[in-house]
Amino acid sequence: NNEAIKLLELAVQLNPKEKELWKSLAEAQVRANKKYQALSSL
């Protein structure tokens, strides 16, 4: 999950208007127990 978060953070920088990327980032953050960050992504 932490590796996924790093990639998804890069992905949303490249394409901040893609909601699916934000949703995927939130899912990775939830699984990494970063729930408040996940709420921000959602």
All heavy atoms as atom14 arrays in JSON, in Angstrom:
{
  "sequence": "NNEAIKLLELAVQLNPKEKELWKSLAEAQVRANKKYQALSSL",
  "atom14_mask": [
    [1, 1, 1, 1, 1, 1, 1, 1, 0, 0, 0, 0, 0, 0],
    [1, 1, 1, 1, 1, 1, 1, 1, 0, 0, 0, 0, 0, 0],
    [1, 1, 1, 1, 1, 1, 1, 1, 1, 0, 0, 0, 0, 0],
    [1, 1, 1, 1, 1, 0, 0, 0, 0, 0, 0, 0, 0, 0],
    [1, 1, 1, 1, 1, 1, 1, 1, 0, 0, 0, 0, 0, 0],
    [1, 1, 1, 1, 1, 1, 1, 1, 1, 0, 0, 0, 0, 0],
    [1, 1, 1, 1, 1, 1, 1, 1, 0, 0, 0, 0, 0, 0],
    [1, 1, 1, 1, 1, 1, 1, 1, 0, 0, 0, 0, 0, 0],
    [1, 1, 1, 1, 1, 1, 1, 1, 1, 0, 0, 0, 0, 0],
    [1, 1, 1, 1, 1, 1, 1, 1, 0, 0, 0, 0, 0, 0],
    [1, 1, 1, 1, 1, 0, 0, 0, 0, 0, 0, 0, 0, 0],
    [1, 1, 1, 1, 1, 1, 1, 0, 0, 0, 0, 0, 0, 0],
    [1, 1, 1, 1, 1, 1, 1, 1, 1, 0, 0, 0, 0, 0],
    [1, 1, 1, 1, 1, 1, 1, 1, 0, 0, 0, 0, 0, 0],
    [1, 1, 1, 1, 1, 1, 1, 1, 0, 0, 0, 0, 0, 0],
    [1, 1, 1, 1, 1, 1, 1, 0, 0, 0, 0, 0, 0, 0],
    [1, 1, 1, 1, 1, 1, 1, 1, 1, 0, 0, 0, 0, 0],
    [1, 1, 1, 1, 1, 1, 1, 1, 1, 0, 0, 0, 0, 0],
    [1, 1, 1, 1, 1, 1, 1, 1, 1, 0, 0, 0, 0, 0],
    [1, 1, 1, 1, 1, 1, 1, 1, 1, 0, 0, 0, 0, 0],
    [1, 1, 1, 1, 1, 1, 1, 1, 0, 0, 0, 0, 0, 0],
    [1, 1, 1, 1, 1, 1, 1, 1, 1, 1, 1, 1, 1, 1],
    [1, 1, 1, 1, 1, 1, 1, 1, 1, 0, 0, 0, 0, 0],
    [1, 1, 1, 1, 1, 1, 0, 0, 0, 0, 0, 0, 0, 0],
    [1, 1, 1, 1, 1, 1, 1, 1, 0, 0, 0, 0, 0, 0],
    [1, 1, 1, 1, 1, 0, 0, 0, 0, 0, 0, 0, 0, 0],
    [1, 1, 1, 1, 1, 1, 1, 1, 1, 0, 0, 0, 0, 0],
    [1, 1, 1, 1, 1, 0, 0, 0, 0, 0, 0, 0, 0, 0],
    [1, 1, 1, 1, 1, 1, 1, 1, 1, 0, 0, 0, 0, 0],
    [1, 1, 1, 1, 1, 1, 1, 0, 0, 0, 0, 0, 0, 0],
    [1, 1, 1, 1, 1, 1, 1, 1, 1, 1, 1, 0, 0, 0],
    [1, 1, 1, 1, 1, 0, 0, 0, 0, 0, 0, 0, 0, 0],
    [1, 1, 1, 1, 1, 1, 1, 1, 0, 0, 0, 0, 0, 0],
    [1, 1, 1, 1, 1, 1, 1, 1, 1, 0, 0, 0, 0, 0],
    [1, 1, 1, 1, 1, 1, 1, 1, 1, 0, 0, 0, 0, 0],
    [1, 1, 1, 1, 1, 1, 1, 1, 1, 1, 1, 1, 0, 0],
    [1, 1, 1, 1, 1, 1, 1, 1, 1, 0, 0, 0, 0, 0],
    [1, 1, 1, 1, 1, 0, 0, 0, 0, 0, 0, 0, 0, 0],
    [1, 1, 1, 1, 1, 1, 1, 1, 0, 0, 0, 0, 0, 0],
    [1, 1, 1, 1, 1, 1, 0, 0, 0, 0, 0, 0, 0, 0],
    [1, 1, 1, 1, 1, 1, 0, 0, 0, 0, 0, 0, 0, 0],
    [1, 1, 1, 1, 1, 1, 1, 1, 0, 0, 0, 0, 0, 0]
  ],
  "atom14_positions": [
    [[0.8, -1.23, 0.0], [0.0, 0.0, 0.0], [0.83, 1.27, 0.0], [0.47, 2.25, -0.66], [-0.95, -0.02, 1.21], [-1.87, -1.22, 1.16], [-2.57, -1.44, 0.19], [-1.86, -2.02, 2.21], [0.0, 0.0, 0.0], [0.0, 0.0, 0.0], [0.0, 0.0, 0.0], [0.0, 0.0, 0.0], [0.0, 0.0, 0.0], [0.0, 0.0, 0.0]],
    [[1.92, 1.3, 0.74], [2.75, 2.51, 0.77], [3.38, 2.8, -0.58], [3.48, 3.96, -1.0], [3.83, 2.39, 1.86], [3.24, 2.47, 3.25], [2.34, 3.27, 3.52], [3.73, 1.64, 4.16], [0.0, 0.0, 0.0], [0.0, 0.0, 0.0], [0.0, 0.0, 0.0], [0.0, 0.0, 0.0], [0.0, 0.0, 0.0], [0.0, 0.0, 0.0]],
    [[3.79, 1.73, -1.28], [4.34, 1.9, -2.62], [3.26, 2.41, -3.57], [3.51, 3.28, -4.42], [4.92, 0.58, -3.14], [6.16, 0.08, -2.43], [5.85, -0.69, -1.16], [4.67, -0.7, -0.74], [6.79, -1.26, -0.57], [0.0, 0.0, 0.0], [0.0, 0.0, 0.0], [0.0, 0.0, 0.0], [0.0, 0.0, 0.0], [0.0, 0.0, 0.0]],
    [[2.05, 1.88, -3.4], [0.93, 2.32, -4.23], [0.61, 3.79, -3.99], [0.33, 4.54, -4.94], [-0.31, 1.46, -3.94], [0.0, 0.0, 0.0], [0.0, 0.0, 0.0], [0.0, 0.0, 0.0], [0.0, 0.0, 0.0], [0.0, 0.0, 0.0], [0.0, 0.0, 0.0], [0.0, 0.0, 0.0], [0.0, 0.0, 0.0], [0.0, 0.0, 0.0]],
    [[0.69, 4.21, -2.74], [0.42, 5.61, -2.41], [1.39, 6.54, -3.14], [1.0, 7.57, -3.7], [0.49, 5.84, -0.89], [-0.72, 5.19, -0.2], [0.53, 7.33, -0.54], [-0.64, 5.17, 1.31], [0.0, 0.0, 0.0], [0.0, 0.0, 0.0], [0.0, 0.0, 0.0], [0.0, 0.0, 0.0], [0.0, 0.0, 0.0], [0.0, 0.0, 0.0]],
    [[2.66, 6.17, -3.14], [3.67, 7.0, -3.8], [3.37, 7.14, -5.29], [3.48, 8.24, -5.86], [5.06, 6.4, -3.59], [5.55, 6.47, -2.15], [6.88, 5.76, -1.98], [7.34, 5.77, -0.52], [8.6, 5.02, -0.33], [0.0, 0.0, 0.0], [0.0, 0.0, 0.0], [0.0, 0.0, 0.0], [0.0, 0.0, 0.0], [0.0, 0.0, 0.0]],
    [[2.99, 6.03, -5.91], [2.69, 6.08, -7.35], [1.43, 6.9, -7.61], [1.38, 7.7, -8.55], [2.5, 4.67, -7.89], [3.76, 3.81, -8.01], [3.41, 2.46, -8.62], [4.82, 4.5, -8.85], [0.0, 0.0, 0.0], [0.0, 0.0, 0.0], [0.0, 0.0, 0.0], [0.0, 0.0, 0.0], [0.0, 0.0, 0.0], [0.0, 0.0, 0.0]],
    [[0.42, 6.72, -6.79], [-0.83, 7.44, -7.0], [-0.69, 8.93, -6.71], [-1.36, 9.76, -7.34], [-1.94, 6.83, -6.13], [-2.43, 5.47, -6.64], [-3.19, 4.71, -5.57], [-3.3, 5.65, -7.88], [0.0, 0.0, 0.0], [0.0, 0.0, 0.0], [0.0, 0.0, 0.0], [0.0, 0.0, 0.0], [0.0, 0.0, 0.0], [0.0, 0.0, 0.0]],
    [[0.17, 9.29, -5.78], [0.44, 10.7, -5.54], [1.07, 11.33, -6.78], [0.78, 12.48, -7.12], [1.34, 10.87, -4.31], [0.6, 10.62, -2.99], [1.52, 10.67, -1.79], [2.76, 10.52, -1.97], [1.02, 10.86, -0.67], [0.0, 0.0, 0.0], [0.0, 0.0, 0.0], [0.0, 0.0, 0.0], [0.0, 0.0, 0.0], [0.0, 0.0, 0.0]],
    [[1.94, 10.57, -7.44], [2.51, 11.04, -8.7], [1.43, 11.13, -9.78], [1.36, 12.12, -10.52], [3.63, 10.09, -9.16], [4.2, 10.34, -10.55], [4.81, 11.74, -10.64], [5.24, 9.28, -10.9], [0.0, 0.0, 0.0], [0.0, 0.0, 0.0], [0.0, 0.0, 0.0], [0.0, 0.0, 0.0], [0.0, 0.0, 0.0], [0.0, 0.0, 0.0]],
    [[0.57, 10.12, -9.82], [-0.48, 10.08, -10.84], [-1.43, 11.28, -10.73], [-1.8, 11.88, -11.74], [-1.26, 8.78, -10.73], [0.0, 0.0, 0.0], [0.0, 0.0, 0.0], [0.0, 0.0, 0.0], [0.0, 0.0, 0.0], [0.0, 0.0, 0.0], [0.0, 0.0, 0.0], [0.0, 0.0, 0.0], [0.0, 0.0, 0.0], [0.0, 0.0, 0.0]],
    [[-1.83, 11.63, -9.49], [-2.77, 12.76, -9.35], [-2.07, 14.1, -9.61], [-2.73, 15.08, -9.95], [-3.44, 12.76, -7.96], [-4.32, 11.54, -7.78], [-2.43, 12.89, -6.83], [0.0, 0.0, 0.0], [0.0, 0.0, 0.0], [0.0, 0.0, 0.0], [0.0, 0.0, 0.0], [0.0, 0.0, 0.0], [0.0, 0.0, 0.0], [0.0, 0.0, 0.0]],
    [[-0.76, 14.13, -9.47], [-0.04, 15.35, -9.86], [-0.07, 15.51, -11.39], [-0.22, 16.63, -11.9], [1.4, 15.29, -9.36], [1.55, 15.5, -7.86], [3.0, 15.46, -7.41], [3.91, 15.67, -8.22], [3.22, 15.18, -6.15], [0.0, 0.0, 0.0], [0.0, 0.0, 0.0], [0.0, 0.0, 0.0], [0.0, 0.0, 0.0], [0.0, 0.0, 0.0]],
    [[0.07, 14.4, -12.08], [0.05, 14.44, -13.54], [-1.36, 14.69, -14.07], [-1.54, 15.34, -15.11], [0.57, 13.11, -14.11], [2.04, 12.77, -13.84], [2.35, 11.37, -14.37], [2.96, 13.79, -14.48], [0.0, 0.0, 0.0], [0.0, 0.0, 0.0], [0.0, 0.0, 0.0], [0.0, 0.0, 0.0], [0.0, 0.0, 0.0], [0.0, 0.0, 0.0]],
    [[-2.36, 14.19, -13.34], [-3.74, 14.26, -13.82], [-4.69, 14.51, -12.64], [-5.42, 13.6, -12.22], [-4.09, 12.95, -14.54], [-5.42, 13.01, -15.25], [-6.05, 14.05, -15.33], [-5.86, 11.87, -15.77], [0.0, 0.0, 0.0], [0.0, 0.0, 0.0], [0.0, 0.0, 0.0], [0.0, 0.0, 0.0], [0.0, 0.0, 0.0], [0.0, 0.0, 0.0]],
    [[-4.71, 15.7, -12.09], [-5.5, 15.99, -10.89], [-7.01, 15.99, -11.11], [-7.76, 16.02, -10.13], [-5.02, 17.38, -10.47], [-4.53, 18.0, -11.73], [-3.93, 16.88, -12.54], [0.0, 0.0, 0.0], [0.0, 0.0, 0.0], [0.0, 0.0, 0.0], [0.0, 0.0, 0.0], [0.0, 0.0, 0.0], [0.0, 0.0, 0.0], [0.0, 0.0, 0.0]],
    [[-7.46, 15.91, -12.35], [-8.89, 15.96, -12.63], [-9.5, 14.57, -12.84], [-10.65, 14.46, -13.23], [-9.16, 16.84, -13.85], [-8.83, 18.31, -13.61], [-9.19, 19.15, -14.82], [-8.87, 20.64, -14.57], [-9.22, 21.47, -15.74], [0.0, 0.0, 0.0], [0.0, 0.0, 0.0], [0.0, 0.0, 0.0], [0.0, 0.0, 0.0], [0.0, 0.0, 0.0]],
    [[-8.72, 13.52, -12.58], [-9.22, 12.16, -12.75], [-9.68, 11.62, -11.39], [-8.86, 11.27, -10.53], [-8.14, 11.27, -13.35], [-8.52, 9.8, -13.5], [-9.83, 9.63, -14.25], [-9.9, 10.0, -15.43], [-10.78, 9.12, -13.62], [0.0, 0.0, 0.0], [0.0, 0.0, 0.0], [0.0, 0.0, 0.0], [0.0, 0.0, 0.0], [0.0, 0.0, 0.0]],
    [[-11.0, 11.56, -11.17], [-11.53, 11.17, -9.86], [-11.17, 9.74, -9.48], [-11.0, 9.43, -8.3], [-13.04, 11.35, -9.82], [-13.83, 10.4, -10.68], [-15.31, 10.53, -10.48], [-16.07, 9.63, -11.44], [-15.74, 8.2, -11.26], [0.0, 0.0, 0.0], [0.0, 0.0, 0.0], [0.0, 0.0, 0.0], [0.0, 0.0, 0.0], [0.0, 0.0, 0.0]],
    [[-11.06, 8.84, -10.47], [-10.74, 7.45, -10.17], [-9.36, 7.32, -9.52], [-9.14, 6.44, -8.68], [-10.82, 6.59, -11.43], [-12.22, 6.44, -11.99], [-13.19, 5.78, -11.0], [-12.74, 4.92, -10.22], [-14.38, 6.13, -11.01], [0.0, 0.0, 0.0], [0.0, 0.0, 0.0], [0.0, 0.0, 0.0], [0.0, 0.0, 0.0], [0.0, 0.0, 0.0]],
    [[-8.45, 8.2, -9.91], [-7.12, 8.18, -9.29], [-7.21, 8.61, -7.83], [-6.55, 8.02, -6.95], [-6.17, 9.1, -10.05], [-5.79, 8.65, -11.46], [-4.94, 9.72, -12.15], [-5.03, 7.32, -11.43], [0.0, 0.0, 0.0], [0.0, 0.0, 0.0], [0.0, 0.0, 0.0], [0.0, 0.0, 0.0], [0.0, 0.0, 0.0], [0.0, 0.0, 0.0]],
    [[-8.04, 9.61, -7.54], [-8.23, 10.05, -6.15], [-8.88, 8.95, -5.32], [-8.53, 8.73, -4.16], [-9.06, 11.33, -6.11], [-8.32, 12.54, -6.58], [-8.51, 13.23, -7.75], [-7.26, 13.24, -5.89], [-7.65, 14.29, -7.84], [-6.87, 14.33, -6.71], [-6.61, 13.05, -4.67], [-5.86, 15.21, -6.34], [-5.61, 13.92, -4.3], [-5.24, 14.99, -5.14]],
    [[-9.83, 8.24, -5.92], [-10.5, 7.15, -5.22], [-9.52, 6.01, -4.93], [-9.52, 5.43, -3.85], [-11.67, 6.63, -6.05], [-12.87, 7.58, -6.08], [-13.91, 7.16, -7.11], [-14.51, 5.81, -6.82], [-15.54, 5.45, -7.82], [0.0, 0.0, 0.0], [0.0, 0.0, 0.0], [0.0, 0.0, 0.0], [0.0, 0.0, 0.0], [0.0, 0.0, 0.0]],
    [[-8.67, 5.71, -5.91], [-7.67, 4.65, -5.7], [-6.66, 5.07, -4.63], [-6.25, 4.25, -3.8], [-6.93, 4.36, -7.02], [-7.81, 3.82, -7.98], [0.0, 0.0, 0.0], [0.0, 0.0, 0.0], [0.0, 0.0, 0.0], [0.0, 0.0, 0.0], [0.0, 0.0, 0.0], [0.0, 0.0, 0.0], [0.0, 0.0, 0.0], [0.0, 0.0, 0.0]],
    [[-6.27, 6.34, -4.65], [-5.36, 6.85, -3.64], [-5.99, 6.71, -2.25], [-5.33, 6.28, -1.29], [-5.0, 8.3, -3.92], [-4.12, 9.02, -2.87], [-2.81, 8.27, -2.66], [-3.85, 10.46, -3.31], [0.0, 0.0, 0.0], [0.0, 0.0, 0.0], [0.0, 0.0, 0.0], [0.0, 0.0, 0.0], [0.0, 0.0, 0.0], [0.0, 0.0, 0.0]],
    [[-7.26, 7.05, -2.15], [-7.97, 6.93, -0.86], [-7.98, 5.48, -0.38], [-7.78, 5.21, 0.8], [-9.39, 7.46, -1.0], [0.0, 0.0, 0.0], [0.0, 0.0, 0.0], [0.0, 0.0, 0.0], [0.0, 0.0, 0.0], [0.0, 0.0, 0.0], [0.0, 0.0, 0.0], [0.0, 0.0, 0.0], [0.0, 0.0, 0.0], [0.0, 0.0, 0.0]],
    [[-8.2, 4.55, -1.31], [-8.25, 3.14, -0.93], [-6.89, 2.67, -0.4], [-6.83, 1.95, 0.6], [-8.66, 2.29, -2.13], [-8.98, 0.85, -1.79], [-10.11, 0.72, -0.8], [-11.07, 1.52, -0.86], [-10.04, -0.2, 0.06], [0.0, 0.0, 0.0], [0.0, 0.0, 0.0], [0.0, 0.0, 0.0], [0.0, 0.0, 0.0], [0.0, 0.0, 0.0]],
    [[-5.83, 3.07, -1.07], [-4.49, 2.71, -0.6], [-4.22, 3.34, 0.77], [-3.63, 2.7, 1.65], [-3.44, 3.17, -1.61], [0.0, 0.0, 0.0], [0.0, 0.0, 0.0], [0.0, 0.0, 0.0], [0.0, 0.0, 0.0], [0.0, 0.0, 0.0], [0.0, 0.0, 0.0], [0.0, 0.0, 0.0], [0.0, 0.0, 0.0], [0.0, 0.0, 0.0]],
    [[-4.66, 4.56, 0.96], [-4.45, 5.25, 2.24], [-5.24, 4.58, 3.37], [-4.74, 4.46, 4.49], [-4.85, 6.72, 2.11], [-3.86, 7.52, 1.25], [-4.4, 8.87, 0.83], [-5.6, 9.07, 0.69], [-3.5, 9.83, 0.61], [0.0, 0.0, 0.0], [0.0, 0.0, 0.0], [0.0, 0.0, 0.0], [0.0, 0.0, 0.0], [0.0, 0.0, 0.0]],
    [[-6.45, 4.13, 3.08], [-7.23, 3.42, 4.09], [-6.5, 2.15, 4.51], [-6.36, 1.85, 5.7], [-8.64, 3.06, 3.56], [-9.32, 2.06, 4.48], [-9.49, 4.3, 3.44], [0.0, 0.0, 0.0], [0.0, 0.0, 0.0], [0.0, 0.0, 0.0], [0.0, 0.0, 0.0], [0.0, 0.0, 0.0], [0.0, 0.0, 0.0], [0.0, 0.0, 0.0]],
    [[-6.01, 1.41, 3.53], [-5.34, 0.14, 3.83], [-4.01, 0.35, 4.53], [-3.52, -0.56, 5.2], [-5.16, -0.65, 2.54], [-6.48, -1.01, 1.88], [-6.3, -1.99, 0.75], [-7.55, -2.25, 0.06], [-7.8, -3.34, -0.66], [-6.86, -4.28, -0.77], [-8.94, -3.5, -1.26], [0.0, 0.0, 0.0], [0.0, 0.0, 0.0], [0.0, 0.0, 0.0]],
    [[-3.43, 1.53, 4.37], [-2.19, 1.86, 5.07], [-2.48, 2.57, 6.4], [-1.57, 3.11, 7.02], [-1.31, 2.75, 4.19], [0.0, 0.0, 0.0], [0.0, 0.0, 0.0], [0.0, 0.0, 0.0], [0.0, 0.0, 0.0], [0.0, 0.0, 0.0], [0.0, 0.0, 0.0], [0.0, 0.0, 0.0], [0.0, 0.0, 0.0], [0.0, 0.0, 0.0]],
    [[-3.75, 2.54, 6.81], [-4.2, 3.16, 8.07], [-3.95, 4.66, 8.1], [-3.61, 5.23, 9.14], [-3.53, 2.48, 9.28], [-4.31, 2.7, 10.56], [-5.53, 2.85, 10.54], [-3.62, 2.74, 11.67], [0.0, 0.0, 0.0], [0.0, 0.0, 0.0], [0.0, 0.0, 0.0], [0.0, 0.0, 0.0], [0.0, 0.0, 0.0], [0.0, 0.0, 0.0]],
    [[-4.13, 5.29, 6.94], [-4.02, 6.75, 6.84], [-5.41, 7.29, 6.49], [-5.65, 7.84, 5.42], [-2.98, 7.13, 5.78], [-1.57, 6.65, 6.13], [-0.57, 6.99, 5.03], [0.83, 6.53, 5.41], [1.83, 6.85, 4.36], [0.0, 0.0, 0.0], [0.0, 0.0, 0.0], [0.0, 0.0, 0.0], [0.0, 0.0, 0.0], [0.0, 0.0, 0.0]],
    [[-6.33, 7.09, 7.43], [-7.75, 7.31, 7.15], [-8.1, 8.78, 6.94], [-8.94, 9.11, 6.11], [-8.6, 6.7, 8.26], [-8.51, 5.18, 8.34], [-9.45, 4.61, 9.37], [-9.45, 3.08, 9.34], [-8.18, 2.5, 9.8], [0.0, 0.0, 0.0], [0.0, 0.0, 0.0], [0.0, 0.0, 0.0], [0.0, 0.0, 0.0], [0.0, 0.0, 0.0]],
    [[-7.47, 9.67, 7.69], [-7.77, 11.1, 7.52], [-7.29, 11.59, 6.16], [-7.94, 12.42, 5.51], [-7.16, 11.92, 8.65], [-7.88, 11.73, 9.97], [-7.32, 10.93, 10.97], [-9.12, 12.31, 10.2], [-7.99, 10.73, 12.17], [-9.79, 12.12, 11.41], [-9.22, 11.33, 12.38], [-9.89, 11.13, 13.58], [0.0, 0.0, 0.0], [0.0, 0.0, 0.0]],
    [[-6.14, 11.08, 5.72], [-5.66, 11.42, 4.38], [-6.61, 10.86, 3.32], [-6.85, 11.5, 2.28], [-4.25, 10.86, 4.18], [-3.2, 11.53, 5.06], [-1.81, 10.97, 4.82], [-1.5, 10.47, 3.75], [-0.96, 11.06, 5.85], [0.0, 0.0, 0.0], [0.0, 0.0, 0.0], [0.0, 0.0, 0.0], [0.0, 0.0, 0.0], [0.0, 0.0, 0.0]],
    [[-7.16, 9.68, 3.59], [-8.1, 9.07, 2.65], [-9.36, 9.93, 2.52], [-9.89, 10.11, 1.41], [-8.48, 7.67, 3.12], [0.0, 0.0, 0.0], [0.0, 0.0, 0.0], [0.0, 0.0, 0.0], [0.0, 0.0, 0.0], [0.0, 0.0, 0.0], [0.0, 0.0, 0.0], [0.0, 0.0, 0.0], [0.0, 0.0, 0.0], [0.0, 0.0, 0.0]],
    [[-9.84, 10.47, 3.64], [-11.0, 11.36, 3.59], [-10.71, 12.59, 2.74], [-11.57, 13.04, 1.97], [-11.39, 11.78, 5.01], [-12.02, 10.69, 5.89], [-12.13, 11.18, 7.33], [-13.39, 10.29, 5.36], [0.0, 0.0, 0.0], [0.0, 0.0, 0.0], [0.0, 0.0, 0.0], [0.0, 0.0, 0.0], [0.0, 0.0, 0.0], [0.0, 0.0, 0.0]],
    [[-9.5, 13.12, 2.87], [-9.11, 14.28, 2.07], [-9.1, 13.93, 0.58], [-9.56, 14.73, -0.26], [-7.73, 14.77, 2.51], [-7.31, 15.86, 1.73], [0.0, 0.0, 0.0], [0.0, 0.0, 0.0], [0.0, 0.0, 0.0], [0.0, 0.0, 0.0], [0.0, 0.0, 0.0], [0.0, 0.0, 0.0], [0.0, 0.0, 0.0], [0.0, 0.0, 0.0]],
    [[-8.6, 12.75, 0.24], [-8.57, 12.32, -1.16], [-9.98, 12.16, -1.71], [-10.27, 12.54, -2.86], [-7.8, 11.01, -1.29], [-6.44, 11.19, -0.93], [0.0, 0.0, 0.0], [0.0, 0.0, 0.0], [0.0, 0.0, 0.0], [0.0, 0.0, 0.0], [0.0, 0.0, 0.0], [0.0, 0.0, 0.0], [0.0, 0.0, 0.0], [0.0, 0.0, 0.0]],
    [[-10.87, 11.59, -0.89], [-12.26, 11.41, -1.33], [-12.96, 12.75, -1.5], [-13.82, 12.9, -2.39], [-13.02, 10.52, -0.35], [-12.61, 9.05, -0.35], [-13.34, 8.29, 0.75], [-12.89, 8.4, -1.7], [0.0, 0.0, 0.0], [0.0, 0.0, 0.0], [0.0, 0.0, 0.0], [0.0, 0.0, 0.0], [0.0, 0.0, 0.0], [0.0, 0.0, 0.0]]
  ]
}
